[in-house]
Amino acid sequence: MPDDSWYGNWGICFTYATWFALRGLAAAGQAYHNCLAVSKGAGFLLKLQLDVSGRGENYLSCKAK
């Protein structure tokens, strides 16, 4: 996606899809320091982090994609 996330059709689309993609990349030995996709995906999640711990995405994100 243009914002460095991955799209998924379950749960909260972009947050969960990006998290699962990062977990898969980590399982394949990729990390923030050696993989652009991991560093961009981590950056996406950090951009969404709210002061109250949530991510600010809700179930309407799938419809609004």
PDB file of N, CA and C in Angstrom:
ATOM      1  N   MET A   1       0.848  -1.170   0.000  1.00  0.00           N
ATOM      2  CA  MET A   1       0.000   0.000   0.000  1.00  0.00           C
ATOM      3  C   MET A   1       0.901   1.243   0.000  1.00  0.00           C
ATOM      4  N   PRO A   2       0.393   2.365  -0.442  1.00  0.00           N
ATOM      5  CA  PRO A   2       1.195   3.586  -0.481  1.00  0.00           C
ATOM      6  C   PRO A   2       1.724   4.038   0.885  1.00  0.00           C
ATOM      7  N   ASP A   3       1.036   3.670   1.976  1.00  0.00           N
ATOM      8  CA  ASP A   3       1.480   4.095   3.312  1.00  0.00           C
ATOM      9  C   ASP A   3       2.379   3.074   3.993  1.00  0.00           C
ATOM     10  N   ASP A   4       2.883   2.087   3.228  1.00  0.00           N
ATOM     11  CA  ASP A   4       3.787   1.042   3.703  1.00  0.00           C
ATOM     12  C   ASP A   4       3.119  -0.012   4.561  1.00  0.00           C
ATOM     13  N   SER A   5       1.800  -0.108   4.518  1.00  0.00           N
ATOM     14  CA  SER A   5       1.089  -1.168   5.217  1.00  0.00           C
ATOM     15  C   SER A   5       0.798  -2.299   4.237  1.00  0.00           C
ATOM     16  N   TRP A   6       0.259  -3.400   4.743  1.00  0.00           N
ATOM     17  CA  TRP A   6      -0.275  -4.471   3.922  1.00  0.00           C
ATOM     18  C   TRP A   6      -1.766  -4.498   4.175  1.00  0.00           C
ATOM     19  N   TYR A   7      -2.549  -4.936   3.187  1.00  0.00           N
ATOM     20  CA  TYR A   7      -4.003  -4.978   3.337  1.00  0.00           C
ATOM     21  C   TYR A   7      -4.447  -6.391   3.679  1.00  0.00           C
ATOM     22  N   GLY A   8      -5.395  -6.509   4.600  1.00  0.00           N
ATOM     23  CA  GLY A   8      -5.986  -7.799   4.955  1.00  0.00           C
ATOM     24  C   GLY A   8      -7.480  -7.647   5.112  1.00  0.00           C
ATOM     25  N   ASN A   9      -8.225  -8.706   4.895  1.00  0.00           N
ATOM     26  CA  ASN A   9      -9.689  -8.650   4.991  1.00  0.00           C
ATOM     27  C   ASN A   9     -10.208  -9.291   6.267  1.00  0.00           C
ATOM     28  N   TRP A  10      -9.517  -9.191   7.341  1.00  0.00           N
ATOM     29  CA  TRP A  10      -9.973  -9.746   8.608  1.00  0.00           C
ATOM     30  C   TRP A  10      -9.644  -8.746   9.706  1.00  0.00           C
ATOM     31  N   GLY A  11     -10.289  -8.855  10.815  1.00  0.00           N
ATOM     32  CA  GLY A  11      -9.973  -7.984  11.948  1.00  0.00           C
ATOM     33  C   GLY A  11      -9.942  -6.519  11.543  1.00  0.00           C
ATOM     34  N   ILE A  12      -8.966  -5.844  11.995  1.00  0.00           N
ATOM     35  CA  ILE A  12      -8.749  -4.446  11.629  1.00  0.00           C
ATOM     36  C   ILE A  12      -7.706  -4.477  10.523  1.00  0.00           C
ATOM     37  N   CYS A  13      -8.159  -4.256   9.316  1.00  0.00           N
ATOM     38  CA  CYS A  13      -7.425  -4.526   8.073  1.00  0.00           C
ATOM     39  C   CYS A  13      -5.932  -4.250   8.092  1.00  0.00           C
ATOM     40  N   PHE A  14      -5.549  -3.003   8.143  1.00  0.00           N
ATOM     41  CA  PHE A  14      -4.160  -2.642   7.916  1.00  0.00           C
ATOM     42  C   PHE A  14      -3.259  -2.957   9.103  1.00  0.00           C
ATOM     43  N   THR A  15      -3.759  -2.754  10.309  1.00  0.00           N
ATOM     44  CA  THR A  15      -2.945  -3.028  11.492  1.00  0.00           C
ATOM     45  C   THR A  15      -2.600  -4.511  11.580  1.00  0.00           C
ATOM     46  N   TYR A  16      -3.608  -5.385  11.513  1.00  0.00           N
ATOM     47  CA  TYR A  16      -3.354  -6.822  11.626  1.00  0.00           C
ATOM     48  C   TYR A  16      -2.585  -7.354  10.437  1.00  0.00           C
ATOM     49  N   ALA A  17      -2.912  -6.932   9.226  1.00  0.00           N
ATOM     50  CA  ALA A  17      -2.204  -7.424   8.048  1.00  0.00           C
ATOM     51  C   ALA A  17      -0.729  -7.057   8.116  1.00  0.00           C
ATOM     52  N   THR A  18      -0.438  -5.837   8.522  1.00  0.00           N
ATOM     53  CA  THR A  18       0.960  -5.413   8.639  1.00  0.00           C
ATOM     54  C   THR A  18       1.665  -6.203   9.731  1.00  0.00           C
ATOM     55  N   TRP A  19       1.009  -6.388  10.873  1.00  0.00           N
ATOM     56  CA  TRP A  19       1.611  -7.148  11.969  1.00  0.00           C
ATOM     57  C   TRP A  19       1.916  -8.580  11.535  1.00  0.00           C
ATOM     58  N   PHE A  20       0.965  -9.244  10.860  1.00  0.00           N
ATOM     59  CA  PHE A  20       1.190 -10.622  10.407  1.00  0.00           C
ATOM     60  C   PHE A  20       2.296 -10.676   9.356  1.00  0.00           C
ATOM     61  N   ALA A  21       2.344  -9.704   8.470  1.00  0.00           N
ATOM     62  CA  ALA A  21       3.417  -9.678   7.468  1.00  0.00           C
ATOM     63  C   ALA A  21       4.772  -9.530   8.155  1.00  0.00           C
ATOM     64  N   LEU A  22       4.851  -8.670   9.145  1.00  0.00           N
ATOM     65  CA  LEU A  22       6.113  -8.480   9.862  1.00  0.00           C
ATOM     66  C   LEU A  22       6.518  -9.744  10.621  1.00  0.00           C
ATOM     67  N   ARG A  23       5.556 -10.436  11.194  1.00  0.00           N
ATOM     68  CA  ARG A  23       5.862 -11.699  11.892  1.00  0.00           C
ATOM     69  C   ARG A  23       6.406 -12.736  10.914  1.00  0.00           C
ATOM     70  N   GLY A  24       5.805 -12.807   9.729  1.00  0.00           N
ATOM     71  CA  GLY A  24       6.285 -13.739   8.707  1.00  0.00           C
ATOM     72  C   GLY A  24       7.689 -13.397   8.239  1.00  0.00           C
ATOM     73  N   LEU A  25       7.933 -12.121   8.010  1.00  0.00           N
ATOM     74  CA  LEU A  25       9.271 -11.699   7.602  1.00  0.00           C
ATOM     75  C   LEU A  25      10.300 -11.988   8.692  1.00  0.00           C
ATOM     76  N   ALA A  26       9.923 -11.775   9.948  1.00  0.00           N
ATOM     77  CA  ALA A  26      10.836 -12.079  11.061  1.00  0.00           C
ATOM     78  C   ALA A  26      11.141 -13.573  11.112  1.00  0.00           C
ATOM     79  N   ALA A  27      10.134 -14.401  10.863  1.00  0.00           N
ATOM     80  CA  ALA A  27      10.343 -15.852  10.863  1.00  0.00           C
ATOM     81  C   ALA A  27      11.301 -16.268   9.743  1.00  0.00           C
ATOM     82  N   ALA A  28      11.344 -15.464   8.678  1.00  0.00           N
ATOM     83  CA  ALA A  28      12.245 -15.746   7.558  1.00  0.00           C
ATOM     84  C   ALA A  28      13.621 -15.102   7.753  1.00  0.00           C
ATOM     85  N   GLY A  29      13.863 -14.531   8.938  1.00  0.00           N
ATOM     86  CA  GLY A  29      15.166 -13.968   9.249  1.00  0.00           C
ATOM     87  C   GLY A  29      15.337 -12.501   8.884  1.00  0.00           C
ATOM     88  N   GLN A  30      14.258 -11.859   8.479  1.00  0.00           N
ATOM     89  CA  GLN A  30      14.337 -10.447   8.133  1.00  0.00           C
ATOM     90  C   GLN A  30      14.126  -9.599   9.383  1.00  0.00           C
ATOM     91  N   ALA A  31      14.806  -8.462   9.453  1.00  0.00           N
ATOM     92  CA  ALA A  31      14.720  -7.587  10.618  1.00  0.00           C
ATOM     93  C   ALA A  31      14.746  -6.133  10.166  1.00  0.00           C
ATOM     94  N   TYR A  32      14.492  -5.256  11.110  1.00  0.00           N
ATOM     95  CA  TYR A  32      14.440  -3.815  10.832  1.00  0.00           C
ATOM     96  C   TYR A  32      15.734  -3.324  10.168  1.00  0.00           C
ATOM     97  N   HIS A  33      16.853  -3.827  10.623  1.00  0.00           N
ATOM     98  CA  HIS A  33      18.149  -3.342  10.135  1.00  0.00           C
ATOM     99  C   HIS A  33      18.572  -3.932   8.795  1.00  0.00           C
ATOM    100  N   ASN A  34      17.916  -5.028   8.323  1.00  0.00           N
ATOM    101  CA  ASN A  34      18.366  -5.641   7.073  1.00  0.00           C
ATOM    102  C   ASN A  34      17.268  -5.817   6.026  1.00  0.00           C
ATOM    103  N   CYS A  35      16.091  -5.244   6.258  1.00  0.00           N
ATOM    104  CA  CYS A  35      14.984  -5.444   5.318  1.00  0.00           C
ATOM    105  C   CYS A  35      14.140  -4.165   5.230  1.00  0.00           C
ATOM    106  N   LEU A  36      14.086  -3.581   4.050  1.00  0.00           N
ATOM    107  CA  LEU A  36      13.329  -2.350   3.865  1.00  0.00           C
ATOM    108  C   LEU A  36      11.841  -2.550   4.164  1.00  0.00           C
ATOM    109  N   ALA A  37      11.281  -3.693   3.771  1.00  0.00           N
ATOM    110  CA  ALA A  37       9.859  -3.952   4.030  1.00  0.00           C
ATOM    111  C   ALA A  37       9.568  -3.962   5.530  1.00  0.00           C
ATOM    112  N   VAL A  38      10.458  -4.549   6.313  1.00  0.00           N
ATOM    113  CA  VAL A  38      10.266  -4.588   7.772  1.00  0.00           C
ATOM    114  C   VAL A  38      10.362  -3.186   8.354  1.00  0.00           C
ATOM    115  N   SER A  39      11.359  -2.425   7.936  1.00  0.00           N
ATOM    116  CA  SER A  39      11.494  -1.082   8.495  1.00  0.00           C
ATOM    117  C   SER A  39      10.329  -0.190   8.092  1.00  0.00           C
ATOM    118  N   LYS A  40       9.822  -0.332   6.874  1.00  0.00           N
ATOM    119  CA  LYS A  40       8.665   0.466   6.458  1.00  0.00           C
ATOM    120  C   LYS A  40       7.399   0.026   7.194  1.00  0.00           C
ATOM    121  N   GLY A  41       7.208  -1.286   7.336  1.00  0.00           N
ATOM    122  CA  GLY A  41       6.035  -1.787   8.056  1.00  0.00           C
ATOM    123  C   GLY A  41       6.053  -1.378   9.522  1.00  0.00           C
ATOM    124  N   ALA A  42       7.218  -1.457  10.144  1.00  0.00           N
ATOM    125  CA  ALA A  42       7.343  -1.022  11.541  1.00  0.00           C
ATOM    126  C   ALA A  42       7.069   0.470  11.658  1.00  0.00           C
ATOM    127  N   GLY A  43       7.560   1.225  10.703  1.00  0.00           N
ATOM    128  CA  GLY A  43       7.291   2.663  10.697  1.00  0.00           C
ATOM    129  C   GLY A  43       5.814   2.969  10.583  1.00  0.00           C
ATOM    130  N   PHE A  44       5.109   2.195   9.753  1.00  0.00           N
ATOM    131  CA  PHE A  44       3.664   2.362   9.611  1.00  0.00           C
ATOM    132  C   PHE A  44       2.966   2.142  10.948  1.00  0.00           C
ATOM    133  N   LEU A  45       3.313   1.055  11.650  1.00  0.00           N
ATOM    134  CA  LEU A  45       2.681   0.774  12.938  1.00  0.00           C
ATOM    135  C   LEU A  45       3.018   1.849  13.972  1.00  0.00           C
ATOM    136  N   LEU A  46       4.244   2.313  13.959  1.00  0.00           N
ATOM    137  CA  LEU A  46       4.630   3.365  14.910  1.00  0.00           C
ATOM    138  C   LEU A  46       3.911   4.678  14.617  1.00  0.00           C
ATOM    139  N   LYS A  47       3.659   4.977  13.338  1.00  0.00           N
ATOM    140  CA  LYS A  47       2.927   6.199  12.971  1.00  0.00           C
ATOM    141  C   LYS A  47       1.513   6.181  13.532  1.00  0.00           C
ATOM    142  N   LEU A  48       0.915   4.983  13.587  1.00  0.00           N
ATOM    143  CA  LEU A  48      -0.466   4.860  14.047  1.00  0.00           C
ATOM    144  C   LEU A  48      -0.609   4.829  15.559  1.00  0.00           C
ATOM    145  N   GLN A  49       0.488   4.587  16.264  1.00  0.00           N
ATOM    146  CA  GLN A  49       0.420   4.443  17.721  1.00  0.00           C
ATOM    147  C   GLN A  49      -0.154   5.704  18.367  1.00  0.00           C
ATOM    148  N   LEU A  50      -1.169   5.528  19.178  1.00  0.00           N
ATOM    149  CA  LEU A  50      -1.786   6.636  19.901  1.00  0.00           C
ATOM    150  C   LEU A  50      -1.207   6.728  21.307  1.00  0.00           C
ATOM    151  N   ASP A  51      -1.344   7.883  21.929  1.00  0.00           N
ATOM    152  CA  ASP A  51      -0.860   8.065  23.300  1.00  0.00           C
ATOM    153  C   ASP A  51      -1.526   7.111  24.285  1.00  0.00           C
ATOM    154  N   VAL A  52      -2.748   6.680  23.979  1.00  0.00           N
ATOM    155  CA  VAL A  52      -3.483   5.794  24.883  1.00  0.00           C
ATOM    156  C   VAL A  52      -3.289   4.323  24.516  1.00  0.00           C
ATOM    157  N   SER A  53      -2.277   4.025  23.712  1.00  0.00           N
ATOM    158  CA  SER A  53      -1.854   2.676  23.393  1.00  0.00           C
ATOM    159  C   SER A  53      -2.525   2.062  22.174  1.00  0.00           C
ATOM    160  N   GLY A  54      -3.675   2.535  21.744  1.00  0.00           N
ATOM    161  CA  GLY A  54      -4.335   1.955  20.581  1.00  0.00           C
ATOM    162  C   GLY A  54      -3.689   2.393  19.280  1.00  0.00           C
ATOM    163  N   ARG A  55      -4.259   1.956  18.181  1.00  0.00           N
ATOM    164  CA  ARG A  55      -3.733   2.277  16.862  1.00  0.00           C
ATOM    165  C   ARG A  55      -4.619   3.247  16.085  1.00  0.00           C
ATOM    166  N   GLY A  56      -5.836   3.492  16.534  1.00  0.00           N
ATOM    167  CA  GLY A  56      -6.689   4.450  15.857  1.00  0.00           C
ATOM    168  C   GLY A  56      -7.390   3.913  14.627  1.00  0.00           C
ATOM    169  N   GLU A  57      -7.289   2.617  14.362  1.00  0.00           N
ATOM    170  CA  GLU A  57      -7.982   2.014  13.229  1.00  0.00           C
ATOM    171  C   GLU A  57      -9.191   1.262  13.767  1.00  0.00           C
ATOM    172  N   ASN A  58     -10.279   1.254  13.010  1.00  0.00           N
ATOM    173  CA  ASN A  58     -11.450   0.501  13.441  1.00  0.00           C
ATOM    174  C   ASN A  58     -12.002  -0.313  12.285  1.00  0.00           C
ATOM    175  N   TYR A  59     -13.085  -1.004  12.510  1.00  0.00           N
ATOM    176  CA  TYR A  59     -13.640  -1.908  11.513  1.00  0.00           C
ATOM    177  C   TYR A  59     -14.061  -1.206  10.225  1.00  0.00           C
ATOM    178  N   LEU A  60     -14.260   0.081  10.249  1.00  0.00           N
ATOM    179  CA  LEU A  60     -14.645   0.809   9.044  1.00  0.00           C
ATOM    180  C   LEU A  60     -13.473   1.004   8.079  1.00  0.00           C
ATOM    181  N   SER A  61     -12.276   0.736   8.511  1.00  0.00           N
ATOM    182  CA  SER A  61     -11.109   0.895   7.650  1.00  0.00           C
ATOM    183  C   SER A  61     -11.205   0.005   6.415  1.00  0.00           C
ATOM    184  N   CYS A  62     -11.787  -1.192   6.564  1.00  0.00           N
ATOM    185  CA  CYS A  62     -11.929  -2.095   5.417  1.00  0.00           C
ATOM    186  C   CYS A  62     -12.825  -1.485   4.347  1.00  0.00           C
ATOM    187  N   LYS A  63     -13.907  -0.883   4.760  1.00  0.00           N
ATOM    188  CA  LYS A  63     -14.836  -0.275   3.793  1.00  0.00           C
ATOM    189  C   LYS A  63     -14.252   0.995   3.178  1.00  0.00           C
ATOM    190  N   ALA A  64     -13.440   1.695   3.945  1.00  0.00           N
ATOM    191  CA  ALA A  64     -12.899   2.975   3.494  1.00  0.00           C
ATOM    192  C   ALA A  64     -11.624   2.837   2.676  1.00  0.00           C
ATOM    193  N   LYS A  65     -11.101   1.611   2.530  1.00  0.00           N
ATOM    194  CA  LYS A  65      -9.823   1.392   1.860  1.00  0.00           C
ATOM    195  C   LYS A  65      -9.788   2.088   0.549  1.00  0.00           C
TER     196      LYS A  65
END
